Amino acid sequence: MDTGGAVLQIALALLVTLGLVMLLAFAAKKFTGIGGRNSSLIKIVSVTQLGTKEKLVLVQAGDKQILLGVTSQQISNLCGFDDALINISTQPAEPVDFSSALKRWMKRKA
């Protein structure tokens, strides 16, 4: 038996299998929206670091914005906003200062 031919046959089968897996992964991503940044109905609007493992995350879910407290151990729903704290449809290209937006909202509610 020719070992060189057997090794070539195994290598070719491996490449075909790998190519098929990559093609199926691409198709799943393309047609189901898995892994796409703009395909999700839930978007991260802003993130503010509070410490090395703690942060505040403002999330857009449908037409509501939700403020989440995130630690290495848990995620807590801190507050929900019926009116958008930061309007992401007209969001400028530069990053939004989340702490300033939160302070403006707190002054408006007081």
Protein backbone atom coordinates (compact mmCIF):
# COMPACT_ATOMS: atom_id res chain seq x y z
CA MET A 1 0.00 0.00 0.00
CA ASP A 2 1.29 3.47 -0.91
CA THR A 3 1.54 5.55 2.31
CA GLY A 4 2.09 8.81 0.41
CA GLY A 5 -1.22 8.37 -1.43
CA ALA A 6 -3.06 7.51 1.79
CA VAL A 7 -1.70 10.60 3.54
CA LEU A 8 -2.71 12.77 0.57
CA GLN A 9 -6.18 11.24 0.57
CA ILE A 10 -6.61 11.90 4.32
CA ALA A 11 -5.32 15.48 3.97
CA LEU A 12 -7.72 16.13 1.06
CA ALA A 13 -10.66 14.71 3.03
CA LEU A 14 -9.72 16.90 6.00
CA LEU A 15 -9.56 20.02 3.81
CA VAL A 16 -12.93 19.26 2.22
CA THR A 17 -14.50 18.73 5.67
CA LEU A 18 -12.98 21.93 7.01
CA GLY A 19 -14.20 23.86 3.98
CA LEU A 20 -17.70 22.46 4.42
CA VAL A 21 -17.76 23.46 8.10
CA MET A 22 -16.62 27.00 7.22
CA LEU A 23 -19.24 27.25 4.47
CA LEU A 24 -22.01 26.14 6.84
CA ALA A 25 -20.84 28.60 9.52
CA PHE A 26 -20.87 31.43 6.96
CA ALA A 27 -24.35 30.45 5.78
CA ALA A 28 -25.67 30.27 9.36
CA LYS A 29 -24.25 33.72 10.13
CA LYS A 30 -25.52 35.23 6.90
CA PHE A 31 -29.05 33.86 6.91
CA THR A 32 -29.87 33.76 10.65
CA GLY A 33 -28.07 36.91 11.78
CA ILE A 34 -25.90 35.03 14.28
CA GLY A 35 -22.82 37.03 15.21
CA GLY A 36 -23.65 40.20 13.31
CA ARG A 37 -23.27 43.48 15.20
CA ASN A 38 -26.19 45.20 13.46
CA SER A 39 -28.49 42.19 13.32
CA SER A 40 -29.47 42.24 16.99
CA LEU A 41 -32.56 43.90 18.41
CA ILE A 42 -30.58 44.55 21.58
CA LYS A 43 -27.77 47.09 21.31
CA ILE A 44 -25.24 48.42 23.81
CA VAL A 45 -25.60 52.19 23.80
CA SER A 46 -22.90 53.12 26.31
CA VAL A 47 -20.58 51.58 28.91
CA THR A 48 -19.03 53.29 31.94
CA GLN A 49 -16.33 51.52 33.95
CA LEU A 50 -16.79 51.85 37.72
CA GLY A 51 -13.87 49.67 38.76
CA THR A 52 -11.71 46.88 37.40
CA LYS A 53 -14.62 44.42 37.24
CA GLU A 54 -17.67 46.66 37.64
CA LYS A 55 -19.42 48.73 35.01
CA LEU A 56 -22.69 50.38 34.09
CA VAL A 57 -24.11 49.37 30.72
CA LEU A 58 -26.92 51.25 28.96
CA VAL A 59 -28.73 48.83 26.65
CA GLN A 60 -31.32 49.57 23.97
CA ALA A 61 -33.96 46.82 23.92
CA GLY A 62 -36.68 47.61 21.42
CA ASP A 63 -37.90 51.13 22.19
CA LYS A 64 -36.72 51.09 25.84
CA GLN A 65 -33.32 51.70 27.35
CA ILE A 66 -32.21 49.70 30.39
CA LEU A 67 -29.40 50.53 32.79
CA LEU A 68 -27.57 47.39 33.94
CA GLY A 69 -24.98 46.98 36.67
CA VAL A 70 -22.43 44.40 35.57
CA THR A 71 -19.89 42.69 37.84
CA SER A 72 -17.85 39.53 37.40
CA GLN A 73 -20.49 37.64 39.41
CA GLN A 74 -23.83 39.02 38.21
CA ILE A 75 -25.83 41.41 36.06
CA SER A 76 -28.45 43.57 37.81
CA ASN A 77 -31.26 45.58 36.24
CA LEU A 78 -30.85 49.00 37.88
CA CYS A 79 -33.35 51.13 36.00
CA GLY A 80 -35.51 51.21 32.88
CA PHE A 81 -36.12 54.35 30.82
CA ASP A 82 -39.30 54.82 28.79
CA ASP A 83 -37.77 57.90 27.16
CA ALA A 84 -34.36 57.30 25.62
CA LEU A 85 -31.52 58.63 27.74
CA ILE A 86 -29.30 58.69 24.65
CA ASN A 87 -30.98 58.66 21.24
CA ILE A 88 -29.04 56.09 19.20
CA SER A 89 -30.79 56.89 15.92
CA THR A 90 -29.17 60.35 15.90
CA GLN A 91 -26.08 59.36 17.87
CA PRO A 92 -22.98 61.26 16.71
CA ALA A 93 -19.91 59.44 15.40
CA GLU A 94 -17.85 60.34 18.47
CA PRO A 95 -18.48 58.47 21.75
CA VAL A 96 -21.29 59.72 23.97
CA ASP A 97 -20.42 60.84 27.50
CA PHE A 98 -22.73 58.53 29.43
CA SER A 99 -22.12 60.08 32.84
CA SER A 100 -23.15 63.53 31.54
CA ALA A 101 -26.30 62.12 29.95
CA LEU A 102 -27.20 60.32 33.19
CA LYS A 103 -26.65 63.51 35.23
CA ARG A 104 -28.87 65.50 32.82
CA TRP A 105 -31.59 62.86 33.15
CA MET A 106 -31.36 62.86 36.95
CA LYS A 107 -31.65 66.68 37.04
CA ARG A 108 -34.65 66.52 34.70
CA LYS A 109 -36.41 64.01 37.00
CA ALA A 110 -35.68 66.03 40.18
